[in-house]
Amino acid sequence: MTAADAPGAADTPGGAADGPVDRLSQLLQFPVDFPIKIMGARVDEFANEVAAVITRHAPDFDVATLELRSSSKGNYLGLTATIRATSRDQLDAIYRELTSHPLVKVVL
């Protein structure tokens, strides 16, 4: 028996039949303040490159609010960008562009 076969799985909102993508859409009510965490190698242009991607998709993002944290050994830089997300499509576009960027290692 799979999770989709479980009694009531398809009958309940957010049940296993909906999948994680549909469940996320049900949980978020746009517009919403949404933090995006980005990690990459600590190089000079990393924060500027990430900020450029974010502002391309969220023009009202204030770059001055970008939070920066160095890893314990100083090899990596963690950034948190909290945007005012207006749609799931906007978030998906940001994640796609960030994850394909050569300086970015992880996006959460």
PDB file of N, CA and C in Angstrom:
ATOM      1  N   MET A   1       0.851  -1.166   0.000  1.00  0.00           N
ATOM      2  CA  MET A   1       0.000   0.000   0.000  1.00  0.00           C
ATOM      3  C   MET A   1       0.904   1.239   0.000  1.00  0.00           C
ATOM      4  N   THR A   2       0.616   2.186  -0.877  1.00  0.00           N
ATOM      5  CA  THR A   2       1.369   3.435  -0.921  1.00  0.00           C
ATOM      6  C   THR A   2       0.632   4.494  -0.117  1.00  0.00           C
ATOM      7  N   ALA A   3       1.286   5.626   0.094  1.00  0.00           N
ATOM      8  CA  ALA A   3       0.654   6.726   0.839  1.00  0.00           C
ATOM      9  C   ALA A   3      -0.592   7.216   0.115  1.00  0.00           C
ATOM     10  N   ALA A   4      -0.583   7.184  -1.220  1.00  0.00           N
ATOM     11  CA  ALA A   4      -1.736   7.646  -1.988  1.00  0.00           C
ATOM     12  C   ALA A   4      -2.920   6.696  -1.829  1.00  0.00           C
ATOM     13  N   ASP A   5      -2.630   5.419  -1.486  1.00  0.00           N
ATOM     14  CA  ASP A   5      -3.696   4.436  -1.304  1.00  0.00           C
ATOM     15  C   ASP A   5      -4.284   4.458   0.102  1.00  0.00           C
ATOM     16  N   ALA A   6      -3.648   5.180   0.997  1.00  0.00           N
ATOM     17  CA  ALA A   6      -4.114   5.205   2.382  1.00  0.00           C
ATOM     18  C   ALA A   6      -5.529   5.762   2.446  1.00  0.00           C
ATOM     19  N   PRO A   7      -6.325   5.252   3.360  1.00  0.00           N
ATOM     20  CA  PRO A   7      -7.703   5.725   3.470  1.00  0.00           C
ATOM     21  C   PRO A   7      -7.758   7.230   3.691  1.00  0.00           C
ATOM     22  N   GLY A   8      -8.521   7.893   2.861  1.00  0.00           N
ATOM     23  CA  GLY A   8      -8.743   9.323   2.997  1.00  0.00           C
ATOM     24  C   GLY A   8      -7.637  10.204   2.436  1.00  0.00           C
ATOM     25  N   ALA A   9      -6.554   9.605   1.880  1.00  0.00           N
ATOM     26  CA  ALA A   9      -5.427  10.412   1.406  1.00  0.00           C
ATOM     27  C   ALA A   9      -5.852  11.377   0.305  1.00  0.00           C
ATOM     28  N   ALA A  10      -6.660  10.913  -0.620  1.00  0.00           N
ATOM     29  CA  ALA A  10      -7.069  11.775  -1.729  1.00  0.00           C
ATOM     30  C   ALA A  10      -8.238  12.673  -1.334  1.00  0.00           C
ATOM     31  N   ASP A  11      -8.884  12.373  -0.217  1.00  0.00           N
ATOM     32  CA  ASP A  11     -10.069  13.120   0.181  1.00  0.00           C
ATOM     33  C   ASP A  11      -9.752  14.365   0.998  1.00  0.00           C
ATOM     34  N   THR A  12      -8.541  14.450   1.547  1.00  0.00           N
ATOM     35  CA  THR A  12      -8.241  15.563   2.432  1.00  0.00           C
ATOM     36  C   THR A  12      -7.331  16.564   1.740  1.00  0.00           C
ATOM     37  N   PRO A  13      -7.591  17.860   1.955  1.00  0.00           N
ATOM     38  CA  PRO A  13      -6.675  18.853   1.402  1.00  0.00           C
ATOM     39  C   PRO A  13      -5.288  18.644   1.982  1.00  0.00           C
ATOM     40  N   GLY A  14      -4.283  18.669   1.114  1.00  0.00           N
ATOM     41  CA  GLY A  14      -2.926  18.458   1.581  1.00  0.00           C
ATOM     42  C   GLY A  14      -2.615  16.996   1.799  1.00  0.00           C
ATOM     43  N   GLY A  15      -3.515  16.085   1.417  1.00  0.00           N
ATOM     44  CA  GLY A  15      -3.271  14.660   1.555  1.00  0.00           C
ATOM     45  C   GLY A  15      -2.167  14.218   0.625  1.00  0.00           C
ATOM     46  N   ALA A  16      -1.744  12.976   0.767  1.00  0.00           N
ATOM     47  CA  ALA A  16      -0.613  12.470   0.002  1.00  0.00           C
ATOM     48  C   ALA A  16      -0.843  12.577  -1.497  1.00  0.00           C
ATOM     49  N   ALA A  17      -2.084  12.522  -1.953  1.00  0.00           N
ATOM     50  CA  ALA A  17      -2.350  12.582  -3.378  1.00  0.00           C
ATOM     51  C   ALA A  17      -2.041  13.956  -3.955  1.00  0.00           C
ATOM     52  N   ASP A  18      -2.055  14.996  -3.113  1.00  0.00           N
ATOM     53  CA  ASP A  18      -1.776  16.345  -3.608  1.00  0.00           C
ATOM     54  C   ASP A  18      -0.299  16.551  -3.897  1.00  0.00           C
ATOM     55  N   GLY A  19       0.573  15.947  -3.148  1.00  0.00           N
ATOM     56  CA  GLY A  19       2.001  16.112  -3.329  1.00  0.00           C
ATOM     57  C   GLY A  19       2.502  17.369  -2.647  1.00  0.00           C
ATOM     58  N   PRO A  20       3.831  17.454  -2.484  1.00  0.00           N
ATOM     59  CA  PRO A  20       4.409  18.574  -1.745  1.00  0.00           C
ATOM     60  C   PRO A  20       4.223  19.921  -2.432  1.00  0.00           C
ATOM     61  N   VAL A  21       4.207  19.964  -3.760  1.00  0.00           N
ATOM     62  CA  VAL A  21       4.053  21.235  -4.470  1.00  0.00           C
ATOM     63  C   VAL A  21       2.677  21.817  -4.217  1.00  0.00           C
ATOM     64  N   ASP A  22       1.623  21.007  -4.353  1.00  0.00           N
ATOM     65  CA  ASP A  22       0.271  21.489  -4.108  1.00  0.00           C
ATOM     66  C   ASP A  22       0.079  21.858  -2.642  1.00  0.00           C
ATOM     67  N   ARG A  23       0.677  21.118  -1.757  1.00  0.00           N
ATOM     68  CA  ARG A  23       0.550  21.396  -0.325  1.00  0.00           C
ATOM     69  C   ARG A  23       1.168  22.754   0.001  1.00  0.00           C
ATOM     70  N   LEU A  24       2.313  23.057  -0.586  1.00  0.00           N
ATOM     71  CA  LEU A  24       2.951  24.349  -0.352  1.00  0.00           C
ATOM     72  C   LEU A  24       2.067  25.481  -0.849  1.00  0.00           C
ATOM     73  N   SER A  25       1.463  25.312  -2.000  1.00  0.00           N
ATOM     74  CA  SER A  25       0.570  26.341  -2.528  1.00  0.00           C
ATOM     75  C   SER A  25      -0.619  26.570  -1.602  1.00  0.00           C
ATOM     76  N   GLN A  26      -1.085  25.519  -0.950  1.00  0.00           N
ATOM     77  CA  GLN A  26      -2.203  25.657  -0.028  1.00  0.00           C
ATOM     78  C   GLN A  26      -1.791  26.383   1.250  1.00  0.00           C
ATOM     79  N   LEU A  27      -0.531  26.238   1.653  1.00  0.00           N
ATOM     80  CA  LEU A  27      -0.064  26.853   2.897  1.00  0.00           C
ATOM     81  C   LEU A  27       0.263  28.334   2.742  1.00  0.00           C
ATOM     82  N   LEU A  28       0.703  28.737   1.572  1.00  0.00           N
ATOM     83  CA  LEU A  28       1.095  30.125   1.368  1.00  0.00           C
ATOM     84  C   LEU A  28      -0.070  30.952   0.846  1.00  0.00           C
ATOM     85  N   GLN A  29      -0.233  32.111   1.426  1.00  0.00           N
ATOM     86  CA  GLN A  29      -1.236  33.066   0.940  1.00  0.00           C
ATOM     87  C   GLN A  29      -0.480  34.305   0.498  1.00  0.00           C
ATOM     88  N   PHE A  30      -0.503  34.555  -0.790  1.00  0.00           N
ATOM     89  CA  PHE A  30       0.267  35.670  -1.354  1.00  0.00           C
ATOM     90  C   PHE A  30      -0.516  36.961  -1.286  1.00  0.00           C
ATOM     91  N   PRO A  31       0.167  38.091  -1.123  1.00  0.00           N
ATOM     92  CA  PRO A  31       1.610  38.229  -0.936  1.00  0.00           C
ATOM     93  C   PRO A  31       2.040  37.796   0.464  1.00  0.00           C
ATOM     94  N   VAL A  32       3.305  37.362   0.567  1.00  0.00           N
ATOM     95  CA  VAL A  32       3.836  36.867   1.835  1.00  0.00           C
ATOM     96  C   VAL A  32       5.327  37.206   1.922  1.00  0.00           C
ATOM     97  N   ASP A  33       5.793  37.559   3.123  1.00  0.00           N
ATOM     98  CA  ASP A  33       7.228  37.737   3.341  1.00  0.00           C
ATOM     99  C   ASP A  33       7.846  36.349   3.389  1.00  0.00           C
ATOM    100  N   PHE A  34       8.821  36.099   2.511  1.00  0.00           N
ATOM    101  CA  PHE A  34       9.350  34.751   2.334  1.00  0.00           C
ATOM    102  C   PHE A  34      10.877  34.793   2.382  1.00  0.00           C
ATOM    103  N   PRO A  35      11.498  34.122   3.372  1.00  0.00           N
ATOM    104  CA  PRO A  35      12.963  34.104   3.439  1.00  0.00           C
ATOM    105  C   PRO A  35      13.546  33.049   2.493  1.00  0.00           C
ATOM    106  N   ILE A  36      14.568  33.438   1.767  1.00  0.00           N
ATOM    107  CA  ILE A  36      15.297  32.525   0.892  1.00  0.00           C
ATOM    108  C   ILE A  36      16.724  32.476   1.405  1.00  0.00           C
ATOM    109  N   LYS A  37      17.211  31.282   1.686  1.00  0.00           N
ATOM    110  CA  LYS A  37      18.569  31.110   2.191  1.00  0.00           C
ATOM    111  C   LYS A  37      19.439  30.568   1.064  1.00  0.00           C
ATOM    112  N   ILE A  38      20.574  31.229   0.858  1.00  0.00           N
ATOM    113  CA  ILE A  38      21.467  30.892  -0.244  1.00  0.00           C
ATOM    114  C   ILE A  38      22.870  30.706   0.320  1.00  0.00           C
ATOM    115  N   MET A  39      23.543  29.626  -0.071  1.00  0.00           N
ATOM    116  CA  MET A  39      24.903  29.381   0.378  1.00  0.00           C
ATOM    117  C   MET A  39      25.816  29.199  -0.819  1.00  0.00           C
ATOM    118  N   GLY A  40      27.016  29.745  -0.696  1.00  0.00           N
ATOM    119  CA  GLY A  40      27.985  29.622  -1.771  1.00  0.00           C
ATOM    120  C   GLY A  40      29.388  29.893  -1.273  1.00  0.00           C
ATOM    121  N   ALA A  41      30.344  29.738  -2.180  1.00  0.00           N
ATOM    122  CA  ALA A  41      31.738  29.988  -1.840  1.00  0.00           C
ATOM    123  C   ALA A  41      31.915  31.457  -1.483  1.00  0.00           C
ATOM    124  N   ARG A  42      32.803  31.713  -0.555  1.00  0.00           N
ATOM    125  CA  ARG A  42      33.038  33.088  -0.128  1.00  0.00           C
ATOM    126  C   ARG A  42      33.967  33.759  -1.149  1.00  0.00           C
ATOM    127  N   VAL A  43      33.362  34.394  -2.123  1.00  0.00           N
ATOM    128  CA  VAL A  43      34.091  35.170  -3.125  1.00  0.00           C
ATOM    129  C   VAL A  43      33.465  36.561  -3.161  1.00  0.00           C
ATOM    130  N   ASP A  44      34.254  37.534  -3.608  1.00  0.00           N
ATOM    131  CA  ASP A  44      33.823  38.933  -3.546  1.00  0.00           C
ATOM    132  C   ASP A  44      32.488  39.198  -4.220  1.00  0.00           C
ATOM    133  N   GLU A  45      32.250  38.612  -5.362  1.00  0.00           N
ATOM    134  CA  GLU A  45      31.047  38.938  -6.133  1.00  0.00           C
ATOM    135  C   GLU A  45      29.803  38.127  -5.749  1.00  0.00           C
ATOM    136  N   PHE A  46      29.921  37.178  -4.821  1.00  0.00           N
ATOM    137  CA  PHE A  46      28.796  36.296  -4.495  1.00  0.00           C
ATOM    138  C   PHE A  46      27.551  37.060  -4.053  1.00  0.00           C
ATOM    139  N   ALA A  47      27.680  37.921  -3.058  1.00  0.00           N
ATOM    140  CA  ALA A  47      26.507  38.648  -2.546  1.00  0.00           C
ATOM    141  C   ALA A  47      25.896  39.540  -3.624  1.00  0.00           C
ATOM    142  N   ASN A  48      26.720  40.199  -4.416  1.00  0.00           N
ATOM    143  CA  ASN A  48      26.198  41.058  -5.481  1.00  0.00           C
ATOM    144  C   ASN A  48      25.480  40.263  -6.559  1.00  0.00           C
ATOM    145  N   GLU A  49      26.014  39.105  -6.904  1.00  0.00           N
ATOM    146  CA  GLU A  49      25.385  38.248  -7.916  1.00  0.00           C
ATOM    147  C   GLU A  49      24.020  37.747  -7.422  1.00  0.00           C
ATOM    148  N   VAL A  50      23.963  37.324  -6.171  1.00  0.00           N
ATOM    149  CA  VAL A  50      22.697  36.849  -5.601  1.00  0.00           C
ATOM    150  C   VAL A  50      21.691  37.997  -5.540  1.00  0.00           C
ATOM    151  N   ALA A  51      22.129  39.158  -5.100  1.00  0.00           N
ATOM    152  CA  ALA A  51      21.234  40.320  -5.022  1.00  0.00           C
ATOM    153  C   ALA A  51      20.681  40.677  -6.395  1.00  0.00           C
ATOM    154  N   ALA A  52      21.499  40.557  -7.431  1.00  0.00           N
ATOM    155  CA  ALA A  52      21.045  40.857  -8.786  1.00  0.00           C
ATOM    156  C   ALA A  52      19.947  39.880  -9.228  1.00  0.00           C
ATOM    157  N   VAL A  53      20.115  38.607  -8.906  1.00  0.00           N
ATOM    158  CA  VAL A  53      19.096  37.608  -9.253  1.00  0.00           C
ATOM    159  C   VAL A  53      17.795  37.915  -8.515  1.00  0.00           C
ATOM    160  N   ILE A  54      17.901  38.180  -7.223  1.00  0.00           N
ATOM    161  CA  ILE A  54      16.706  38.448  -6.417  1.00  0.00           C
ATOM    162  C   ILE A  54      15.966  39.677  -6.943  1.00  0.00           C
ATOM    163  N   THR A  55      16.677  40.764  -7.187  1.00  0.00           N
ATOM    164  CA  THR A  55      16.010  42.003  -7.626  1.00  0.00           C
ATOM    165  C   THR A  55      15.452  41.889  -9.042  1.00  0.00           C
ATOM    166  N   ARG A  56      15.998  40.991  -9.832  1.00  0.00           N
ATOM    167  CA  ARG A  56      15.442  40.760 -11.168  1.00  0.00           C
ATOM    168  C   ARG A  56      14.019  40.210 -11.064  1.00  0.00           C
ATOM    169  N   HIS A  57      13.771  39.386 -10.057  1.00  0.00           N
ATOM    170  CA  HIS A  57      12.459  38.754  -9.892  1.00  0.00           C
ATOM    171  C   HIS A  57      11.582  39.450  -8.853  1.00  0.00           C
ATOM    172  N   ALA A  58      12.212  40.188  -7.952  1.00  0.00           N
ATOM    173  CA  ALA A  58      11.478  40.916  -6.899  1.00  0.00           C
ATOM    174  C   ALA A  58      12.049  42.333  -6.851  1.00  0.00           C
ATOM    175  N   PRO A  59      11.613  43.196  -7.778  1.00  0.00           N
ATOM    176  CA  PRO A  59      12.208  44.532  -7.900  1.00  0.00           C
ATOM    177  C   PRO A  59      12.099  45.389  -6.634  1.00  0.00           C
ATOM    178  N   ASP A  60      11.147  45.078  -5.769  1.00  0.00           N
ATOM    179  CA  ASP A  60      11.007  45.870  -4.542  1.00  0.00           C
ATOM    180  C   ASP A  60      11.906  45.370  -3.401  1.00  0.00           C
ATOM    181  N   PHE A  61      12.726  44.349  -3.648  1.00  0.00           N
ATOM    182  CA  PHE A  61      13.626  43.828  -2.620  1.00  0.00           C
ATOM    183  C   PHE A  61      14.666  44.889  -2.269  1.00  0.00           C
ATOM    184  N   ASP A  62      14.834  45.157  -0.985  1.00  0.00           N
ATOM    185  CA  ASP A  62      15.818  46.119  -0.497  1.00  0.00           C
ATOM    186  C   ASP A  62      17.118  45.370  -0.223  1.00  0.00           C
ATOM    187  N   VAL A  63      18.111  45.594  -1.057  1.00  0.00           N
ATOM    188  CA  VAL A  63      19.383  44.886  -0.948  1.00  0.00           C
ATOM    189  C   VAL A  63      20.044  45.125   0.408  1.00  0.00           C
ATOM    190  N   ALA A  64      19.772  46.259   1.029  1.00  0.00           N
ATOM    191  CA  ALA A  64      20.352  46.564   2.350  1.00  0.00           C
ATOM    192  C   ALA A  64      19.871  45.588   3.425  1.00  0.00           C
ATOM    193  N   THR A  65      18.771  44.867   3.176  1.00  0.00           N
ATOM    194  CA  THR A  65      18.254  43.913   4.161  1.00  0.00           C
ATOM    195  C   THR A  65      18.840  42.514   3.988  1.00  0.00           C
ATOM    196  N   LEU A  66      19.691  42.321   2.991  1.00  0.00           N
ATOM    197  CA  LEU A  66      20.320  41.023   2.758  1.00  0.00           C
ATOM    198  C   LEU A  66      21.213  40.690   3.954  1.00  0.00           C
ATOM    199  N   GLU A  67      20.961  39.552   4.580  1.00  0.00           N
ATOM    200  CA  GLU A  67      21.738  39.121   5.748  1.00  0.00           C
ATOM    201  C   GLU A  67      22.883  38.225   5.289  1.00  0.00           C
ATOM    202  N   LEU A  68      24.082  38.477   5.816  1.00  0.00           N
ATOM    203  CA  LEU A  68      25.274  37.709   5.457  1.00  0.00           C
ATOM    204  C   LEU A  68      25.855  37.036   6.689  1.00  0.00           C
ATOM    205  N   ARG A  69      26.282  35.778   6.528  1.00  0.00           N
ATOM    206  CA  ARG A  69      26.941  35.026   7.586  1.00  0.00           C
ATOM    207  C   ARG A  69      28.059  34.192   6.973  1.00  0.00           C
ATOM    208  N   SER A  70      29.226  34.261   7.583  1.00  0.00           N
ATOM    209  CA  SER A  70      30.349  33.426   7.136  1.00  0.00           C
ATOM    210  C   SER A  70      30.281  32.077   7.827  1.00  0.00           C
ATOM    211  N   SER A  71      30.778  31.049   7.150  1.00  0.00           N
ATOM    212  CA  SER A  71      30.868  29.731   7.777  1.00  0.00           C
ATOM    213  C   SER A  71      31.944  29.775   8.859  1.00  0.00           C
ATOM    214  N   SER A  72      31.985  28.765   9.700  1.00  0.00           N
ATOM    215  CA  SER A  72      32.924  28.763  10.824  1.00  0.00           C
ATOM    216  C   SER A  72      34.385  28.843  10.361  1.00  0.00           C
ATOM    217  N   LYS A  73      34.709  28.239   9.227  1.00  0.00           N
ATOM    218  CA  LYS A  73      36.085  28.296   8.715  1.00  0.00           C
ATOM    219  C   LYS A  73      36.278  29.431   7.715  1.00  0.00           C
ATOM    220  N   GLY A  74      35.194  30.136   7.385  1.00  0.00           N
ATOM    221  CA  GLY A  74      35.312  31.272   6.487  1.00  0.00           C
ATOM    222  C   GLY A  74      35.375  30.932   5.011  1.00  0.00           C
ATOM    223  N   ASN A  75      35.123  29.678   4.652  1.00  0.00           N
ATOM    224  CA  ASN A  75      35.186  29.278   3.243  1.00  0.00           C
ATOM    225  C   ASN A  75      33.894  29.544   2.495  1.00  0.00           C
ATOM    226  N   TYR A  76      32.782  29.630   3.212  1.00  0.00           N
ATOM    227  CA  TYR A  76      31.474  29.792   2.591  1.00  0.00           C
ATOM    228  C   TYR A  76      30.758  31.003   3.172  1.00  0.00           C
ATOM    229  N   LEU A  77      29.802  31.496   2.405  1.00  0.00           N
ATOM    230  CA  LEU A  77      28.998  32.617   2.840  1.00  0.00           C
ATOM    231  C   LEU A  77      27.537  32.219   2.738  1.00  0.00           C
ATOM    232  N   GLY A  78      26.803  32.471   3.797  1.00  0.00           N
ATOM    233  CA  GLY A  78      25.366  32.214   3.800  1.00  0.00           C
ATOM    234  C   GLY A  78      24.630  33.536   3.728  1.00  0.00           C
ATOM    235  N   LEU A  79      23.637  33.607   2.860  1.00  0.00           N
ATOM    236  CA  LEU A  79      22.833  34.812   2.699  1.00  0.00           C
ATOM    237  C   LEU A  79      21.378  34.481   2.977  1.00  0.00           C
ATOM    238  N   THR A  80      20.656  35.431   3.555  1.00  0.00           N
ATOM    239  CA  THR A  80      19.210  35.306   3.683  1.00  0.00           C
ATOM    240  C   THR A  80      18.592  36.547   3.076  1.00  0.00           C
ATOM    241  N   ALA A  81      17.750  36.317   2.082  1.00  0.00           N
ATOM    242  CA  ALA A  81      17.016  37.399   1.431  1.00  0.00           C
ATOM    243  C   ALA A  81      15.543  37.181   1.725  1.00  0.00           C
ATOM    244  N   THR A  82      14.930  38.092   2.435  1.00  0.00           N
ATOM    245  CA  THR A  82      13.496  37.992   2.707  1.00  0.00           C
ATOM    246  C   THR A  82      12.781  38.911   1.730  1.00  0.00           C
ATOM    247  N   ILE A  83      12.008  38.291   0.848  1.00  0.00           N
ATOM    248  CA  ILE A  83      11.304  39.053  -0.180  1.00  0.00           C
ATOM    249  C   ILE A  83       9.819  39.084   0.107  1.00  0.00           C
ATOM    250  N   ARG A  84       9.131  40.003  -0.499  1.00  0.00           N
ATOM    251  CA  ARG A  84       7.667  40.033  -0.469  1.00  0.00           C
ATOM    252  C   ARG A  84       7.227  39.263  -1.706  1.00  0.00           C
ATOM    253  N   ALA A  85       6.976  37.965  -1.534  1.00  0.00           N
ATOM    254  CA  ALA A  85       6.615  37.103  -2.652  1.00  0.00           C
ATOM    255  C   ALA A  85       5.169  37.355  -3.061  1.00  0.00           C
ATOM    256  N   THR A  86       4.958  37.465  -4.355  1.00  0.00           N
ATOM    257  CA  THR A  86       3.618  37.745  -4.869  1.00  0.00           C
ATOM    258  C   THR A  86       2.959  36.524  -5.503  1.00  0.00           C
ATOM    259  N   SER A  87       3.750  35.479  -5.807  1.00  0.00           N
ATOM    260  CA  SER A  87       3.159  34.286  -6.424  1.00  0.00           C
ATOM    261  C   SER A  87       4.112  33.098  -6.318  1.00  0.00           C
ATOM    262  N   ARG A  88       3.575  31.944  -6.504  1.00  0.00           N
ATOM    263  CA  ARG A  88       4.371  30.715  -6.532  1.00  0.00           C
ATOM    264  C   ARG A  88       5.297  30.736  -7.741  1.00  0.00           C
ATOM    265  N   ASP A  89       4.806  31.257  -8.863  1.00  0.00           N
ATOM    266  CA  ASP A  89       5.632  31.340 -10.069  1.00  0.00           C
ATOM    267  C   ASP A  89       6.867  32.205  -9.830  1.00  0.00           C
ATOM    268  N   GLN A  90       6.702  33.298  -9.090  1.00  0.00           N
ATOM    269  CA  GLN A  90       7.828  34.172  -8.780  1.00  0.00           C
ATOM    270  C   GLN A  90       8.874  33.407  -7.958  1.00  0.00           C
ATOM    271  N   LEU A  91       8.438  32.697  -6.933  1.00  0.00           N
ATOM    272  CA  LEU A  91       9.364  31.926  -6.107  1.00  0.00           C
ATOM    273  C   LEU A  91      10.065  30.849  -6.922  1.00  0.00           C
ATOM    274  N   ASP A  92       9.314  30.165  -7.771  1.00  0.00           N
ATOM    275  CA  ASP A  92       9.911  29.120  -8.609  1.00  0.00           C
ATOM    276  C   ASP A  92      10.986  29.696  -9.528  1.00  0.00           C
ATOM    277  N   ALA A  93      10.723  30.860 -10.117  1.00  0.00           N
ATOM    278  CA  ALA A  93      11.687  31.499 -11.020  1.00  0.00           C
ATOM    279  C   ALA A  93      12.957  31.885 -10.275  1.00  0.00           C
ATOM    280  N   ILE A  94      12.817  32.412  -9.060  1.00  0.00           N
ATOM    281  CA  ILE A  94      13.986  32.773  -8.257  1.00  0.00           C
ATOM    282  C   ILE A  94      14.802  31.527  -7.931  1.00  0.00           C
ATOM    283  N   TYR A  95      14.145  30.477  -7.478  1.00  0.00           N
ATOM    284  CA  TYR A  95      14.853  29.234  -7.136  1.00  0.00           C
ATOM    285  C   TYR A  95      15.549  28.638  -8.350  1.00  0.00           C
ATOM    286  N   ARG A  96      14.882  28.646  -9.496  1.00  0.00           N
ATOM    287  CA  ARG A  96      15.502  28.089 -10.717  1.00  0.00           C
ATOM    288  C   ARG A  96      16.769  28.853 -11.077  1.00  0.00           C
ATOM    289  N   GLU A  97      16.684  30.188 -11.065  1.00  0.00           N
ATOM    290  CA  GLU A  97      17.851  30.972 -11.455  1.00  0.00           C
ATOM    291  C   GLU A  97      18.979  30.851 -10.434  1.00  0.00           C
ATOM    292  N   LEU A  98      18.643  30.877  -9.154  1.00  0.00           N
ATOM    293  CA  LEU A  98      19.686  30.761  -8.134  1.00  0.00           C
ATOM    294  C   LEU A  98      20.367  29.394  -8.177  1.00  0.00           C
ATOM    295  N   THR A  99      19.593  28.326  -8.295  1.00  0.00           N
ATOM    296  CA  THR A  99      20.198  26.987  -8.284  1.00  0.00           C
ATOM    297  C   THR A  99      21.042  26.718  -9.525  1.00  0.00           C
ATOM    298  N   SER A 100      20.806  27.454 -10.603  1.00  0.00           N
ATOM    299  CA  SER A 100      21.625  27.252 -11.807  1.00  0.00           C
ATOM    300  C   SER A 100      22.837  28.193 -11.851  1.00  0.00           C
ATOM    301  N   HIS A 101      22.957  29.095 -10.882  1.00  0.00           N
ATOM    302  CA  HIS A 101      24.068  30.038 -10.856  1.00  0.00           C
ATOM    303  C   HIS A 101      25.352  29.308 -10.421  1.00  0.00           C
ATOM    304  N   PRO A 102      26.460  29.535 -11.110  1.00  0.00           N
ATOM    305  CA  PRO A 102      27.696  28.789 -10.800  1.00  0.00           C
ATOM    306  C   PRO A 102      28.290  29.084  -9.411  1.00  0.00           C
ATOM    307  N   LEU A 103      28.005  30.227  -8.810  1.00  0.00           N
ATOM    308  CA  LEU A 103      28.543  30.532  -7.481  1.00  0.00           C
ATOM    309  C   LEU A 103      27.706  29.974  -6.346  1.00  0.00           C
ATOM    310  N   VAL A 104      26.474  29.573  -6.645  1.00  0.00           N
ATOM    311  CA  VAL A 104      25.545  29.104  -5.614  1.00  0.00           C
ATOM    312  C   VAL A 104      25.697  27.603  -5.408  1.00  0.00           C
ATOM    313  N   LYS A 105      25.827  27.207  -4.155  1.00  0.00           N
ATOM    314  CA  LYS A 105      25.933  25.776  -3.813  1.00  0.00           C
ATOM    315  C   LYS A 105      24.587  25.205  -3.369  1.00  0.00           C
ATOM    316  N   VAL A 106      23.838  25.957  -2.522  1.00  0.00           N
ATOM    317  CA  VAL A 106      22.590  25.458  -1.947  1.00  0.00           C
ATOM    318  C   VAL A 106      21.594  26.607  -1.844  1.00  0.00           C
ATOM    319  N   VAL A 107      20.323  26.299  -2.129  1.00  0.00           N
ATOM    320  CA  VAL A 107      19.238  27.264  -1.933  1.00  0.00           C
ATOM    321  C   VAL A 107      18.161  26.579  -1.115  1.00  0.00           C
ATOM    322  N   LEU A 108      17.735  27.221  -0.041  1.00  0.00           N
ATOM    323  CA  LEU A 108      16.678  26.671   0.813  1.00  0.00           C
ATOM    324  C   LEU A 108      15.549  27.674   0.907  1.00  0.00           C
TER     325      LEU A 108
END
